[in-house]
C-alpha atoms as a PDB file:
ATOM      1  CA  MET A   1     -34.361 -21.727  21.693  1.00  0.00           C
ATOM      2  CA  THR A   2     -32.487 -22.540  18.845  1.00  0.00           C
ATOM      3  CA  ARG A   3     -28.576 -22.647  18.710  1.00  0.00           C
ATOM      4  CA  GLN A   4     -26.518 -22.438  15.430  1.00  0.00           C
ATOM      5  CA  PHE A   5     -23.571 -24.087  14.577  1.00  0.00           C
ATOM      6  CA  THR A   6     -20.734 -22.791  12.425  1.00  0.00           C
ATOM      7  CA  GLU A   7     -17.643 -24.421  10.946  1.00  0.00           C
ATOM      8  CA  TYR A   8     -14.968 -22.657   9.147  1.00  0.00           C
ATOM      9  CA  HIS A   9     -12.277 -24.069   7.026  1.00  0.00           C
ATOM     10  CA  PRO A  10      -8.767 -23.065   7.023  1.00  0.00           C
ATOM     11  CA  ALA A  11      -7.811 -20.566   4.536  1.00  0.00           C
ATOM     12  CA  SER A  12      -5.501 -23.471   3.171  1.00  0.00           C
ATOM     13  CA  HIS A  13      -8.494 -25.522   2.085  1.00  0.00           C
ATOM     14  CA  TYR A  14      -9.952 -22.616  -0.228  1.00  0.00           C
ATOM     15  CA  TRP A  15      -7.919 -23.713  -3.454  1.00  0.00           C
ATOM     16  CA  PRO A  16      -8.442 -27.307  -2.895  1.00  0.00           C
ATOM     17  CA  LEU A  17     -12.171 -27.348  -2.514  1.00  0.00           C
ATOM     18  CA  GLN A  18     -12.715 -24.925  -5.504  1.00  0.00           C
ATOM     19  CA  LEU A  19     -10.527 -27.252  -7.521  1.00  0.00           C
ATOM     20  CA  VAL A  20     -12.982 -30.257  -6.471  1.00  0.00           C
ATOM     21  CA  GLU A  21     -16.062 -28.539  -6.998  1.00  0.00           C
ATOM     22  CA  THR A  22     -14.777 -27.121 -10.431  1.00  0.00           C
ATOM     23  CA  GLY A  23     -13.826 -30.717 -11.272  1.00  0.00           C
ATOM     24  CA  ILE A  24     -17.475 -32.267 -10.025  1.00  0.00           C
ATOM     25  CA  LEU A  25     -19.810 -29.605 -11.538  1.00  0.00           C
ATOM     26  CA  PRO A  26     -18.308 -29.886 -15.522  1.00  0.00           C
ATOM     27  CA  ALA A  27     -18.155 -33.940 -14.907  1.00  0.00           C
ATOM     28  CA  LEU A  28     -21.997 -33.929 -14.139  1.00  0.00           C
ATOM     29  CA  ALA A  29     -22.637 -31.356 -17.099  1.00  0.00           C
ATOM     30  CA  VAL A  30     -20.779 -33.933 -19.158  1.00  0.00           C
ATOM     31  CA  PHE A  31     -22.684 -36.926 -18.144  1.00  0.00           C
ATOM     32  CA  ALA A  32     -25.992 -35.108 -18.080  1.00  0.00           C
ATOM     33  CA  ALA A  33     -25.195 -34.027 -21.984  1.00  0.00           C
ATOM     34  CA  VAL A  34     -24.265 -37.562 -23.007  1.00  0.00           C
ATOM     35  CA  ARG A  35     -27.074 -39.434 -21.196  1.00  0.00           C
ATOM     36  CA  ALA A  36     -30.021 -37.017 -22.179  1.00  0.00           C
ATOM     37  CA  PRO A  37     -30.268 -37.836 -25.902  1.00  0.00           C
ATOM     38  CA  ARG A  38     -30.426 -41.407 -24.961  1.00  0.00           C
ATOM     39  CA  GLY A  39     -33.814 -41.444 -23.302  1.00  0.00           C
ATOM     40  CA  VAL A  40     -35.612 -39.729 -25.657  1.00  0.00           C
ATOM     41  CA  GLY A  41     -36.554 -39.684 -29.649  1.00  0.00           C
ATOM     42  CA  PRO A  42     -38.629 -41.690 -31.646  1.00  0.00           C
ATOM     43  CA  ASP A  43     -37.363 -45.185 -31.146  1.00  0.00           C
ATOM     44  CA  ARG A  44     -37.778 -44.573 -27.581  1.00  0.00           C
ATOM     45  CA  GLU A  45     -41.783 -43.485 -27.858  1.00  0.00           C
ATOM     46  CA  ARG A  46     -42.991 -46.432 -29.803  1.00  0.00           C
ATOM     47  CA  PRO A  47     -42.258 -49.990 -30.308  1.00  0.00           C
ATOM     48  CA  ARG A  48     -40.802 -51.101 -33.728  1.00  0.00           C
ATOM     49  CA  PRO A  49     -43.306 -52.951 -35.872  1.00  0.00           C
ATOM     50  CA  ALA A  50     -42.705 -57.122 -36.371  1.00  0.00           C
ATOM     51  CA  PRO A  51     -40.946 -57.867 -39.597  1.00  0.00           C
ATOM     52  CA  GLY A  52     -43.438 -59.031 -42.094  1.00  0.00           C
ATOM     53  CA  ALA A  53     -46.178 -56.698 -40.405  1.00  0.00           C
ATOM     54  CA  ALA A  54     -48.198 -54.440 -42.611  1.00  0.00           C
ATOM     55  CA  ARG A  55     -47.824 -50.656 -42.230  1.00  0.00           C
ATOM     56  CA  ARG A  56     -50.999 -48.511 -42.092  1.00  0.00           C
ATOM     57  CA  ASP A  57     -51.105 -47.981 -45.811  1.00  0.00           C
ATOM     58  CA  GLY A  58     -51.445 -51.593 -46.202  1.00  0.00           C
ATOM     59  CA  HIS A  59     -48.096 -52.580 -47.710  1.00  0.00           C
ATOM     60  CA  VAL A  60     -46.198 -55.690 -46.341  1.00  0.00           C
ATOM     61  CA  GLN A  61     -42.562 -55.216 -46.006  1.00  0.00           C
END
């Protein structure tokens, strides 16, 4: 046999809870949008060659 427990918030808590949620979700979206480009890209995929190393075409920098 299972029992269910339901918790109700008073009506006076509705708008404060909505405002907190409205603040948290956009903040997470902004954080994700700012953070996402830093983890990908050609600089992150392969290391840079050492200075003076020959390129594939044989040219030395």
